[in-house]
Amino acid sequence: MLNAFKHRINEVGYIAWSQWRVLLVVSSAIALLLLVIGLTWPKSYTSYVTVMFDEKAIIQPLMEGAAVATAATDRARLAREVINGRSFLNQIIEFAGNMKGNDDALAWELERERMRKRINIATVPPNLIRIEYRDRNPVAAHQVTEKMAQLFIDETRALKANESSAAFQFIDEQVKEYHQKLIDAENHLKEFRSDNLDARPGTDAAISIRIGELNTSLEQATLELAETRIKAESIERQLSGEAAVEVSLSREGQFQSQIAVLQSELDQLRLSYHDTYPDIVRIKHQIEDLKGQIEREHARREVAQQQAKQQGRIYVDDRVRLSPVYQQLRQQLTDTRTLIATLEARKRELDLMLKDEVGRGRRVHTGEMVLAELTRDYEVNRDIYRDLLRRRENARVSMSLDEGQQGLTLRIYEPAFLPLKPSGLRFLHFMVLGVVLAILVPVGYLVARVQLDPRVRSVDQLSTNLGYRVLASVPVVYLPSETEQARGAVRTSVIVATLLLLIYALAGGLKLAGLV
């Protein structure tokens, strides 16, 4: 390991010896270049001012709930928006006098951009803002920083006052608008209640009770009507049966009775006389006439029954109508039909009343929906109107607080100072950097050259990296002339380094004396 390191050192020394002039020139050039850059590097003086946001003013606890103090949670953003504004930068540029007599818009825009680059804004916990400004002139940096702080405080206070005033104006306009909306909602509600007297609380329940009562009465009437119709059908069947009995006992029954009497007489006469006897012949003719009358009566009854059936009524013989039983059933049928007509009329009336009540319920339900919507609009507008009235008074108090500068208070916590030392890279930094780079660049080049060179320069590379067995090696032997050249190179390098150090010392002295 030690032998490998020694071989590396020898390799670095060999490359340095072979290229010492180039390395010396590069190292000297780097040192002189950074020295020149350090001498010509522009100085930049930074001054800053610290502004305090006093959010806990004495009046705030007293006005808690009655006024809203304008807060600035992102103070850095607020400061950037104010300071980087065109009007703000124009005032700073005019104060600095950088654009006197120059009305070129492009030049002003470029100057504003340069001014923005020189300004830095940062927040310092808990409630401070630091405004920094860089300039080549320390006095200008100090004056511009003071001016920026004062303008920032004035602009922020004006902005807060304008914001409070704008908020009050906006809320006042909203109050007037919602006052008109509230009046319109009251008028609509009044007109609707006047046009819809049924649209009142409790009407829907009363209509539901009434519909239930009508449904019950309708069901009762329907059941009574069905029962009465059944009773009428029963009476009609009884009338039909009674009429048939009475018919059989009336005209046809009389004819049959006469035929029976005549047949009895005929049988008595046949016991004594022949069929040619005149009385027997007369009785036979009478019996035939009666049978013909029975057939004609039967045919007439069938025709009358067919006609009555077609007309939908009960056929009753004229003689039957005089029967007491028939008269009683007929009276019951008349009474039953009258009751049926009464029940049908009641049912129709109940149907109409139910339909009217259902329609009224629908109208009332729709009216209640409209009434509820109108009432809801009225209540919403009323609540918003009351809230806006309260907010308007709060905004009025807030505007008064901002006008009296009693809200969010801004004051200079740490005033701007006159910078004595430039900020950023200084001449000493460039001097140190020049010496360090003048040494590190050649050394880095030599190390990289050794690491990246693929040629074999030592016995260890043959045996370790390539795996060859080395029998013998020829050592490096320097000639007297080469040794003298090496000594000359060292003397030259020492002289150049000494000259560089003297140049650095002279430049540092002149810099401290302020001559350069």
Protein backbone atom coordinates (compact mmCIF):
# COMPACT_ATOMS: atom_id res chain seq x y z
CA MET A 1 0.00 0.00 0.00
CA LEU A 2 2.82 2.34 0.92
CA ASN A 3 4.69 1.42 -2.28
CA ALA A 4 1.57 2.12 -4.37
CA PHE A 5 1.12 5.52 -2.74
CA LYS A 6 4.80 6.30 -3.31
CA HIS A 7 4.45 5.30 -6.96
CA ARG A 8 1.43 7.61 -7.28
CA ILE A 9 3.41 10.47 -5.84
CA ASN A 10 6.21 9.78 -8.26
CA GLU A 11 3.76 9.69 -11.18
CA VAL A 12 2.25 13.04 -10.11
CA GLY A 13 5.74 14.50 -9.77
CA TYR A 14 6.75 13.22 -13.19
CA ILE A 15 3.67 14.79 -14.89
CA ALA A 16 4.21 18.03 -12.95
CA TRP A 17 7.84 18.10 -14.05
CA SER A 18 6.92 17.47 -17.67
CA GLN A 19 4.20 20.23 -17.72
CA TRP A 20 5.42 22.61 -15.02
CA ARG A 21 5.43 25.68 -17.26
CA VAL A 22 1.79 25.19 -18.30
CA LEU A 23 0.72 24.54 -14.75
CA LEU A 24 2.61 27.58 -13.46
CA VAL A 25 1.03 29.82 -16.11
CA VAL A 26 -2.50 28.48 -15.37
CA SER A 27 -2.08 28.84 -11.63
CA SER A 28 -0.75 32.39 -11.96
CA ALA A 29 -3.51 33.33 -14.39
CA ILE A 30 -6.21 32.06 -12.00
CA ALA A 31 -4.73 33.97 -9.07
CA LEU A 32 -4.35 37.23 -11.05
CA LEU A 33 -7.83 36.84 -12.64
CA LEU A 34 -9.60 36.48 -9.30
CA LEU A 35 -7.52 39.39 -7.94
CA VAL A 36 -8.67 41.58 -10.81
CA ILE A 37 -12.27 40.42 -10.34
CA GLY A 38 -12.04 41.23 -6.64
CA LEU A 39 -10.68 44.72 -7.41
CA THR A 40 -13.39 45.45 -9.98
CA TRP A 41 -16.26 43.68 -8.21
CA PRO A 42 -18.90 46.31 -7.47
CA LYS A 43 -19.63 46.97 -3.85
CA SER A 44 -23.16 46.53 -2.61
CA TYR A 45 -24.37 48.09 0.61
CA THR A 46 -27.49 46.75 2.24
CA SER A 47 -29.65 48.61 4.70
CA TYR A 48 -32.85 47.30 6.22
CA VAL A 49 -35.69 48.51 8.38
CA THR A 50 -37.97 46.42 10.59
CA VAL A 51 -41.67 47.25 10.72
CA MET A 52 -43.89 45.90 13.50
CA PHE A 53 -47.51 44.86 12.99
CA ASP A 54 -49.19 45.67 16.31
CA GLU A 55 -52.36 43.56 16.21
CA LYS A 56 -53.09 43.80 19.93
CA ALA A 57 -53.94 47.44 20.28
CA ILE A 58 -55.49 48.70 23.51
CA ILE A 59 -58.80 49.43 21.83
CA GLN A 60 -59.22 45.94 20.37
CA PRO A 61 -60.46 44.23 23.58
CA LEU A 62 -62.87 47.12 24.10
CA MET A 63 -64.35 46.71 20.60
CA GLU A 64 -64.44 42.91 20.62
CA GLY A 65 -67.50 41.74 18.67
CA ALA A 66 -68.41 45.28 17.53
CA ALA A 67 -65.65 45.85 15.00
CA VAL A 68 -63.46 43.74 12.79
CA ALA A 69 -59.84 44.81 12.75
CA THR A 70 -58.20 44.42 9.37
CA ALA A 71 -55.69 41.60 9.70
CA ALA A 72 -52.78 40.72 7.46
CA THR A 73 -51.91 37.10 8.02
CA ASP A 74 -49.47 36.92 5.13
CA ARG A 75 -47.60 40.11 5.90
CA ALA A 76 -44.72 39.41 3.52
CA ARG A 77 -47.14 38.99 0.63
CA LEU A 78 -48.91 42.20 1.58
CA ALA A 79 -45.58 44.06 1.76
CA ARG A 80 -44.45 42.67 -1.62
CA GLU A 81 -47.71 43.68 -3.27
CA VAL A 82 -47.46 47.21 -1.89
CA ILE A 83 -43.72 47.77 -2.41
CA ASN A 84 -43.50 46.13 -5.83
CA GLY A 85 -46.40 48.19 -7.11
CA ARG A 86 -45.74 50.61 -9.95
CA SER A 87 -46.86 53.71 -8.06
CA PHE A 88 -44.77 52.79 -5.02
CA LEU A 89 -41.64 52.14 -7.10
CA ASN A 90 -42.18 55.36 -9.06
CA GLN A 91 -42.12 57.33 -5.82
CA ILE A 92 -38.92 55.55 -4.70
CA ILE A 93 -37.23 56.17 -8.07
CA GLU A 94 -38.20 59.83 -7.98
CA PHE A 95 -36.87 60.08 -4.42
CA ALA A 96 -33.59 58.40 -5.42
CA GLY A 97 -33.29 60.71 -8.44
CA ASN A 98 -32.23 57.94 -10.80
CA MET A 99 -34.53 59.03 -13.65
CA LYS A 100 -34.40 62.80 -13.53
CA GLY A 101 -35.39 64.35 -16.83
CA ASN A 102 -36.02 60.95 -18.41
CA ASP A 103 -39.56 60.37 -19.67
CA ASP A 104 -38.87 57.18 -21.63
CA ALA A 105 -41.43 54.55 -20.58
CA LEU A 106 -39.10 51.67 -21.38
CA ALA A 107 -36.30 53.19 -19.29
CA TRP A 108 -38.69 53.63 -16.38
CA GLU A 109 -39.84 50.02 -16.68
CA LEU A 110 -36.25 48.77 -16.71
CA GLU A 111 -35.44 50.93 -13.68
CA ARG A 112 -38.48 49.56 -11.83
CA GLU A 113 -37.32 46.04 -12.60
CA ARG A 114 -33.81 46.81 -11.31
CA MET A 115 -35.33 48.34 -8.21
CA ARG A 116 -37.39 45.20 -7.56
CA LYS A 117 -34.22 43.09 -7.72
CA ARG A 118 -32.56 45.30 -5.10
CA ILE A 119 -35.45 44.97 -2.66
CA ASN A 120 -35.88 41.97 -0.41
CA ILE A 121 -38.80 41.43 1.99
CA ALA A 122 -38.91 38.82 4.71
CA THR A 123 -40.97 38.11 7.82
CA VAL A 124 -39.41 37.91 11.23
CA PRO A 125 -41.50 36.05 13.82
CA PRO A 126 -43.69 36.84 15.52
CA ASN A 127 -45.03 40.02 13.91
CA LEU A 128 -42.15 41.82 12.20
CA ILE A 129 -41.34 42.55 8.56
CA ARG A 130 -37.83 43.28 7.37
CA ILE A 131 -37.46 45.46 4.28
CA GLU A 132 -33.95 45.36 2.76
CA TYR A 133 -32.49 47.50 0.00
CA ARG A 134 -29.12 47.18 -1.77
CA ASP A 135 -27.23 50.01 -3.42
CA ARG A 136 -23.66 50.85 -4.33
CA ASN A 137 -23.92 54.03 -2.32
CA PRO A 138 -24.38 53.35 1.41
CA VAL A 139 -26.02 56.74 1.98
CA ALA A 140 -28.49 56.11 -0.82
CA ALA A 141 -29.21 52.66 0.58
CA HIS A 142 -29.94 54.18 3.98
CA GLN A 143 -32.14 56.99 2.67
CA VAL A 144 -34.09 54.84 0.25
CA THR A 145 -34.71 52.24 2.96
CA GLU A 146 -36.09 54.90 5.30
CA LYS A 147 -38.29 56.27 2.52
CA MET A 148 -39.58 52.82 1.64
CA ALA A 149 -40.51 52.11 5.26
CA GLN A 150 -42.39 55.38 5.62
CA LEU A 151 -44.17 54.97 2.27
CA PHE A 152 -45.02 51.36 3.12
CA ILE A 153 -46.61 52.39 6.42
CA ASP A 154 -48.54 55.21 4.74
CA GLU A 155 -49.65 53.01 1.83
CA THR A 156 -50.71 50.19 4.15
CA ARG A 157 -52.72 52.53 6.35
CA ALA A 158 -54.36 54.06 3.30
CA LEU A 159 -55.03 50.62 1.90
CA LYS A 160 -56.62 49.52 5.17
CA ALA A 161 -58.73 52.66 5.32
CA ASN A 162 -59.84 52.19 1.71
CA GLU A 163 -60.59 48.54 2.37
CA SER A 164 -62.73 49.39 5.40
CA SER A 165 -64.51 52.13 3.49
CA ALA A 166 -65.11 49.85 0.49
CA ALA A 167 -66.41 47.14 2.81
CA PHE A 168 -68.80 49.60 4.46
CA GLN A 169 -70.02 50.86 1.09
CA PHE A 170 -70.55 47.33 -0.18
CA ILE A 171 -72.44 46.23 2.94
CA ASP A 172 -74.52 49.42 2.84
CA GLU A 173 -75.52 48.67 -0.76
CA GLN A 174 -76.40 45.12 0.24
CA VAL A 175 -78.52 46.42 3.11
CA LYS A 176 -80.50 48.64 0.73
CA GLU A 177 -80.91 45.81 -1.76
CA TYR A 178 -82.13 43.32 0.84
CA HIS A 179 -84.40 45.95 2.39
CA GLN A 180 -86.16 46.23 -0.97
CA LYS A 181 -86.25 42.43 -1.27
CA LEU A 182 -87.79 42.21 2.21
CA ILE A 183 -90.51 44.73 1.26
CA ASP A 184 -91.25 42.81 -1.95
CA ALA A 185 -91.45 39.53 -0.02
CA GLU A 186 -93.87 41.09 2.50
CA ASN A 187 -96.08 42.41 -0.32
CA HIS A 188 -96.12 39.04 -2.11
CA LEU A 189 -96.99 37.27 1.14
CA LYS A 190 -99.78 39.75 1.89
CA GLU A 191 -101.26 39.48 -1.62
CA PHE A 192 -101.21 35.70 -1.54
CA ARG A 193 -102.92 35.53 1.84
CA SER A 194 -105.58 37.96 0.63
CA ASP A 195 -106.25 35.90 -2.53
CA ASN A 196 -106.13 32.52 -0.75
CA LEU A 197 -108.06 32.70 2.50
CA ASP A 198 -107.90 28.91 2.92
CA ALA A 199 -104.11 29.05 2.95
CA ARG A 200 -103.78 29.25 6.70
CA PRO A 201 -102.34 26.87 9.31
CA GLY A 202 -104.65 23.99 10.27
CA THR A 203 -106.75 24.05 7.09
CA ASP A 204 -105.09 20.94 5.71
CA ALA A 205 -105.94 18.97 8.87
CA ALA A 206 -109.57 20.16 8.82
CA ILE A 207 -109.89 19.17 5.16
CA SER A 208 -108.44 15.74 5.92
CA ILE A 209 -111.02 15.25 8.70
CA ARG A 210 -113.81 16.41 6.40
CA ILE A 211 -112.69 14.05 3.60
CA GLY A 212 -112.66 11.19 6.11
CA GLU A 213 -116.21 12.01 7.21
CA LEU A 214 -117.42 12.21 3.60
CA ASN A 215 -115.78 8.89 2.79
CA THR A 216 -117.53 7.30 5.78
CA SER A 217 -120.92 8.77 4.77
CA LEU A 218 -120.34 7.65 1.16
CA GLU A 219 -119.57 4.11 2.28
CA GLN A 220 -122.69 4.05 4.46
CA ALA A 221 -124.85 5.37 1.60
CA THR A 222 -123.36 2.80 -0.76
CA LEU A 223 -124.12 -0.04 1.67
CA GLU A 224 -127.68 1.21 2.28
CA LEU A 225 -128.21 1.58 -1.48
CA ALA A 226 -127.04 -1.98 -2.08
CA GLU A 227 -129.29 -3.30 0.69
CA THR A 228 -132.28 -1.33 -0.59
CA ARG A 229 -131.76 -2.58 -4.15
CA ILE A 230 -131.69 -6.15 -2.85
CA LYS A 231 -134.93 -5.43 -0.96
CA ALA A 232 -136.53 -3.99 -4.13
CA GLU A 233 -135.49 -7.05 -6.14
CA SER A 234 -137.04 -9.27 -3.46
CA ILE A 235 -140.30 -7.29 -3.54
CA GLU A 236 -140.38 -7.49 -7.32
CA ARG A 237 -139.95 -11.25 -7.15
CA GLN A 238 -142.76 -11.42 -4.59
CA LEU A 239 -144.94 -9.26 -6.83
CA SER A 240 -144.25 -11.56 -9.78
CA GLY A 241 -145.18 -14.64 -7.76
CA GLU A 242 -148.32 -13.05 -6.30
CA ALA A 243 -149.41 -11.82 -9.72
CA ALA A 244 -149.05 -15.30 -11.13
CA VAL A 245 -151.15 -16.74 -8.29
CA GLU A 246 -153.78 -14.07 -8.63
CA VAL A 247 -153.93 -14.49 -12.40
CA SER A 248 -154.46 -18.19 -12.00
CA LEU A 249 -157.28 -17.49 -9.53
CA SER A 250 -158.85 -14.68 -11.56
CA ARG A 251 -159.98 -14.89 -15.20
CA GLU A 252 -158.64 -18.34 -16.19
CA GLY A 253 -159.77 -19.68 -12.88
CA GLN A 254 -163.30 -18.44 -13.50
CA PHE A 255 -163.31 -20.01 -16.96
CA GLN A 256 -162.09 -23.29 -15.54
CA SER A 257 -164.75 -23.14 -12.84
CA GLN A 258 -167.48 -22.55 -15.43
CA ILE A 259 -166.15 -25.40 -17.57
CA ALA A 260 -166.20 -27.66 -14.51
CA VAL A 261 -169.85 -26.72 -13.79
CA LEU A 262 -170.85 -27.21 -17.41
CA GLN A 263 -168.98 -30.53 -17.53
CA SER A 264 -170.88 -31.66 -14.44
CA GLU A 265 -174.17 -30.73 -16.03
CA LEU A 266 -173.11 -32.48 -19.24
CA ASP A 267 -172.32 -35.61 -17.33
CA GLN A 268 -175.78 -35.52 -15.62
CA LEU A 269 -177.55 -35.00 -18.95
CA ARG A 270 -175.64 -37.85 -20.58
CA LEU A 271 -177.02 -40.16 -17.97
CA SER A 272 -180.53 -39.49 -19.33
CA TYR A 273 -180.09 -38.30 -22.88
CA HIS A 274 -178.02 -38.83 -25.99
CA ASP A 275 -175.38 -36.46 -27.29
CA THR A 276 -177.88 -35.12 -29.82
CA TYR A 277 -180.00 -33.77 -27.09
CA PRO A 278 -180.20 -29.98 -27.50
CA ASP A 279 -179.09 -29.15 -23.97
CA ILE A 280 -176.08 -31.47 -24.33
CA VAL A 281 -175.18 -29.85 -27.63
CA ARG A 282 -175.62 -26.39 -26.04
CA ILE A 283 -173.42 -27.28 -23.09
CA LYS A 284 -170.72 -28.68 -25.38
CA HIS A 285 -170.74 -25.44 -27.37
CA GLN A 286 -170.47 -23.44 -24.14
CA ILE A 287 -167.54 -25.59 -22.99
CA GLU A 288 -165.81 -25.10 -26.34
CA ASP A 289 -166.38 -21.32 -26.16
CA LEU A 290 -164.89 -21.20 -22.64
CA LYS A 291 -161.86 -23.22 -23.72
CA GLY A 292 -161.40 -20.80 -26.65
CA GLN A 293 -161.62 -17.86 -24.28
CA ILE A 294 -159.00 -19.53 -22.04
CA GLU A 295 -156.65 -19.99 -25.01
CA ARG A 296 -157.21 -16.41 -26.17
CA GLU A 297 -156.63 -15.16 -22.64
CA HIS A 298 -153.49 -17.22 -22.37
CA ALA A 299 -152.22 -15.89 -25.73
CA ARG A 300 -153.11 -12.34 -24.71
CA ARG A 301 -151.22 -12.77 -21.42
CA GLU A 302 -148.13 -14.17 -23.14
CA VAL A 303 -148.07 -11.19 -25.55
CA ALA A 304 -148.51 -8.77 -22.64
CA GLN A 305 -145.77 -10.54 -20.67
CA GLN A 306 -143.39 -10.36 -23.63
CA GLN A 307 -144.09 -6.67 -24.03
CA ALA A 308 -143.65 -6.07 -20.31
CA LYS A 309 -140.42 -8.06 -20.36
CA GLN A 310 -139.11 -6.04 -23.27
CA GLN A 311 -140.10 -2.85 -21.47
CA GLY A 312 -138.46 -4.05 -18.26
CA ARG A 313 -141.59 -4.12 -16.09
CA ILE A 314 -143.77 -6.74 -14.42
CA TYR A 315 -146.91 -7.81 -16.13
CA VAL A 316 -149.91 -7.82 -13.83
CA ASP A 317 -153.44 -8.55 -14.82
CA ASP A 318 -156.01 -5.85 -14.19
CA ARG A 319 -157.92 -7.99 -11.77
CA VAL A 320 -154.80 -8.76 -9.82
CA ARG A 321 -154.18 -5.07 -9.16
CA LEU A 322 -157.24 -5.04 -6.92
CA SER A 323 -155.70 -7.70 -4.65
CA PRO A 324 -154.81 -6.40 -1.10
CA VAL A 325 -151.59 -8.41 -0.97
CA TYR A 326 -150.53 -7.04 -4.31
CA GLN A 327 -151.37 -3.51 -3.21
CA GLN A 328 -149.29 -3.93 -0.06
CA LEU A 329 -146.28 -5.28 -1.98
CA ARG A 330 -146.74 -2.56 -4.55
CA GLN A 331 -146.65 0.10 -1.85
CA GLN A 332 -143.50 -1.47 -0.36
CA LEU A 333 -141.90 -1.52 -3.80
CA THR A 334 -142.76 2.13 -4.34
CA ASP A 335 -141.34 3.08 -0.97
CA THR A 336 -138.21 1.04 -1.64
CA ARG A 337 -137.70 2.63 -5.04
CA THR A 338 -138.16 6.07 -3.49
CA LEU A 339 -135.54 5.16 -0.90
CA ILE A 340 -133.24 3.93 -3.69
CA ALA A 341 -133.66 7.22 -5.55
CA THR A 342 -132.97 9.09 -2.31
CA LEU A 343 -129.84 7.07 -1.60
CA GLU A 344 -128.62 7.49 -5.16
CA ALA A 345 -129.13 11.24 -4.91
CA ARG A 346 -127.32 11.26 -1.56
CA LYS A 347 -124.48 9.24 -3.04
CA ARG A 348 -124.17 11.62 -5.97
CA GLU A 349 -124.14 14.57 -3.63
CA LEU A 350 -121.56 12.90 -1.42
CA ASP A 351 -119.44 12.15 -4.51
CA LEU A 352 -119.64 15.77 -5.59
CA MET A 353 -118.88 16.99 -2.06
CA LEU A 354 -115.95 14.58 -1.82
CA LYS A 355 -114.58 15.70 -5.19
CA ASP A 356 -114.99 19.34 -4.18
CA GLU A 357 -113.27 18.71 -0.86
CA VAL A 358 -110.41 16.79 -2.54
CA GLY A 359 -109.99 19.62 -5.04
CA ARG A 360 -110.09 22.11 -2.20
CA GLY A 361 -107.48 20.03 -0.37
CA ARG A 362 -105.24 20.06 -3.45
CA ARG A 363 -105.65 23.80 -3.79
CA VAL A 364 -104.95 24.26 -0.10
CA HIS A 365 -101.92 21.95 -0.30
CA THR A 366 -100.57 23.87 -3.29
CA GLY A 367 -101.36 27.11 -1.53
CA GLU A 368 -99.57 25.93 1.59
CA MET A 369 -96.53 25.06 -0.50
CA VAL A 370 -96.58 28.50 -2.11
CA LEU A 371 -97.20 30.08 1.29
CA ALA A 372 -94.34 28.12 2.82
CA GLU A 373 -92.05 29.19 -0.03
CA LEU A 374 -93.07 32.82 0.30
CA THR A 375 -92.70 32.64 4.07
CA ARG A 376 -89.30 31.01 3.72
CA ASP A 377 -88.16 33.72 1.29
CA TYR A 378 -89.45 36.36 3.66
CA GLU A 379 -87.68 34.81 6.67
CA VAL A 380 -84.42 34.35 4.74
CA ASN A 381 -84.47 37.95 3.52
CA ARG A 382 -85.37 39.13 7.02
CA ASP A 383 -82.51 37.20 8.63
CA ILE A 384 -80.02 38.34 6.01
CA TYR A 385 -81.26 41.91 6.35
CA ARG A 386 -80.82 41.84 10.13
CA ASP A 387 -77.36 40.29 9.80
CA LEU A 388 -76.36 42.89 7.21
CA LEU A 389 -77.58 45.68 9.49
CA ARG A 390 -75.35 44.34 12.26
CA ARG A 391 -72.44 43.92 9.88
CA ARG A 392 -72.92 47.43 8.51
CA GLU A 393 -72.63 48.90 11.98
CA ASN A 394 -69.56 46.75 12.63
CA ALA A 395 -68.08 47.95 9.34
CA ARG A 396 -68.88 51.52 10.30
CA VAL A 397 -67.01 51.13 13.60
CA SER A 398 -64.13 49.37 11.79
CA MET A 399 -63.93 52.22 9.28
CA SER A 400 -63.81 54.72 12.13
CA LEU A 401 -61.06 52.70 13.81
CA ASP A 402 -58.99 52.57 10.62
CA GLU A 403 -59.50 56.28 10.00
CA GLY A 404 -58.30 56.96 13.54
CA GLN A 405 -55.43 54.45 13.09
CA GLN A 406 -56.68 52.42 16.04
CA GLY A 407 -56.98 49.10 14.26
CA LEU A 408 -53.96 47.29 12.89
CA THR A 409 -51.07 49.56 13.99
CA LEU A 410 -47.85 49.76 11.99
CA ARG A 411 -44.72 51.29 13.44
CA ILE A 412 -41.00 51.15 12.83
CA TYR A 413 -39.49 48.68 15.26
CA GLU A 414 -35.87 49.00 14.09
CA PRO A 415 -35.00 52.04 11.95
CA ALA A 416 -32.77 51.90 8.92
CA PHE A 417 -29.02 52.24 9.49
CA LEU A 418 -26.12 53.52 7.44
CA PRO A 419 -24.21 50.44 6.20
CA LEU A 420 -20.45 50.71 6.69
CA LYS A 421 -19.44 47.39 5.19
CA PRO A 422 -20.53 46.12 1.80
CA SER A 423 -22.65 43.03 1.70
CA GLY A 424 -22.05 39.96 -0.40
CA LEU A 425 -18.64 38.93 -1.79
CA ARG A 426 -15.82 41.28 -0.85
CA PHE A 427 -12.20 41.72 -1.95
CA LEU A 428 -10.86 39.48 0.82
CA HIS A 429 -13.11 36.67 -0.37
CA PHE A 430 -11.75 36.92 -3.90
CA MET A 431 -8.15 36.95 -2.58
CA VAL A 432 -8.65 33.78 -0.56
CA LEU A 433 -10.55 32.15 -3.41
CA GLY A 434 -7.75 33.08 -5.87
CA VAL A 435 -5.04 31.48 -3.68
CA VAL A 436 -7.12 28.36 -3.06
CA LEU A 437 -8.05 27.88 -6.73
CA ALA A 438 -4.45 28.60 -7.86
CA ILE A 439 -3.36 25.62 -5.76
CA LEU A 440 -6.33 23.29 -6.19
CA VAL A 441 -6.71 23.54 -9.96
CA PRO A 442 -3.18 22.26 -10.86
CA VAL A 443 -3.29 19.61 -8.14
CA GLY A 444 -6.72 18.47 -9.29
CA TYR A 445 -5.51 18.31 -12.88
CA LEU A 446 -2.49 16.19 -11.93
CA VAL A 447 -4.54 13.75 -9.82
CA ALA A 448 -7.15 13.37 -12.54
CA ARG A 449 -4.45 12.86 -15.15
CA VAL A 450 -2.89 10.07 -13.12
CA GLN A 451 -6.23 8.39 -12.46
CA LEU A 452 -7.42 8.54 -16.05
CA ASP A 453 -4.08 7.76 -17.78
CA PRO A 454 -4.26 4.14 -19.12
CA ARG A 455 -0.49 3.72 -19.56
CA VAL A 456 1.51 1.48 -17.25
CA ARG A 457 3.89 3.53 -15.14
CA SER A 458 4.82 1.19 -12.24
CA VAL A 459 5.66 -2.43 -11.45
CA ASP A 460 2.63 -2.70 -9.18
CA GLN A 461 0.31 -2.05 -12.11
CA LEU A 462 1.78 -5.04 -13.98
CA SER A 463 1.57 -7.44 -11.08
CA THR A 464 -1.63 -6.27 -9.42
CA ASN A 465 -3.89 -5.02 -12.21
CA LEU A 466 -2.65 -7.19 -15.10
CA GLY A 467 -1.46 -10.27 -13.17
CA TYR A 468 1.98 -10.49 -14.74
CA ARG A 469 5.04 -11.73 -12.90
CA VAL A 470 7.77 -9.10 -12.94
CA LEU A 471 11.31 -10.51 -12.89
CA ALA A 472 13.17 -7.21 -12.71
CA SER A 473 12.64 -3.47 -13.12
CA VAL A 474 14.93 -0.66 -14.22
CA PRO A 475 14.87 2.29 -11.79
CA VAL A 476 14.61 5.87 -12.95
CA VAL A 477 17.95 7.60 -13.12
CA TYR A 478 18.05 11.42 -13.50
CA LEU A 479 20.95 13.01 -15.34
CA PRO A 480 22.76 15.98 -13.79
CA SER A 481 21.28 18.26 -16.45
CA GLU A 482 17.75 17.08 -15.58
CA THR A 483 18.42 17.62 -11.91
CA GLU A 484 19.62 21.16 -12.65
CA GLN A 485 16.51 21.79 -14.74
CA ALA A 486 14.32 20.58 -11.90
CA ARG A 487 16.04 22.94 -9.50
CA GLY A 488 15.53 25.79 -11.97
CA ALA A 489 11.84 24.96 -12.26
CA VAL A 490 11.48 25.01 -8.49
CA ARG A 491 13.29 28.37 -8.25
CA THR A 492 11.08 29.82 -10.98
CA SER A 493 7.91 28.56 -9.28
CA VAL A 494 9.02 30.03 -5.93
CA ILE A 495 9.80 33.37 -7.55
CA VAL A 496 6.42 33.46 -9.32
CA ALA A 497 4.60 32.52 -6.10
CA THR A 498 6.52 35.22 -4.21
CA LEU A 499 5.63 37.81 -6.86
CA LEU A 500 1.97 36.75 -6.68
CA LEU A 501 1.98 37.10 -2.92
CA LEU A 502 3.56 40.54 -3.18
CA ILE A 503 0.97 41.57 -5.75
CA TYR A 504 -1.79 40.30 -3.45
CA ALA A 505 -0.29 42.16 -0.48
CA LEU A 506 0.04 45.38 -2.49
CA ALA A 507 -3.50 45.13 -3.79
CA GLY A 508 -4.80 44.46 -0.26
CA GLY A 509 -2.95 47.48 1.10
CA LEU A 510 -4.27 49.76 -1.64
CA LYS A 511 -7.76 48.39 -1.04
CA LEU A 512 -7.57 49.07 2.67
CA ALA A 513 -6.25 52.55 1.97
CA GLY A 514 -9.18 53.14 -0.36
CA LEU A 515 -6.96 53.95 -3.34
CA VAL A 516 -8.56 51.33 -5.58
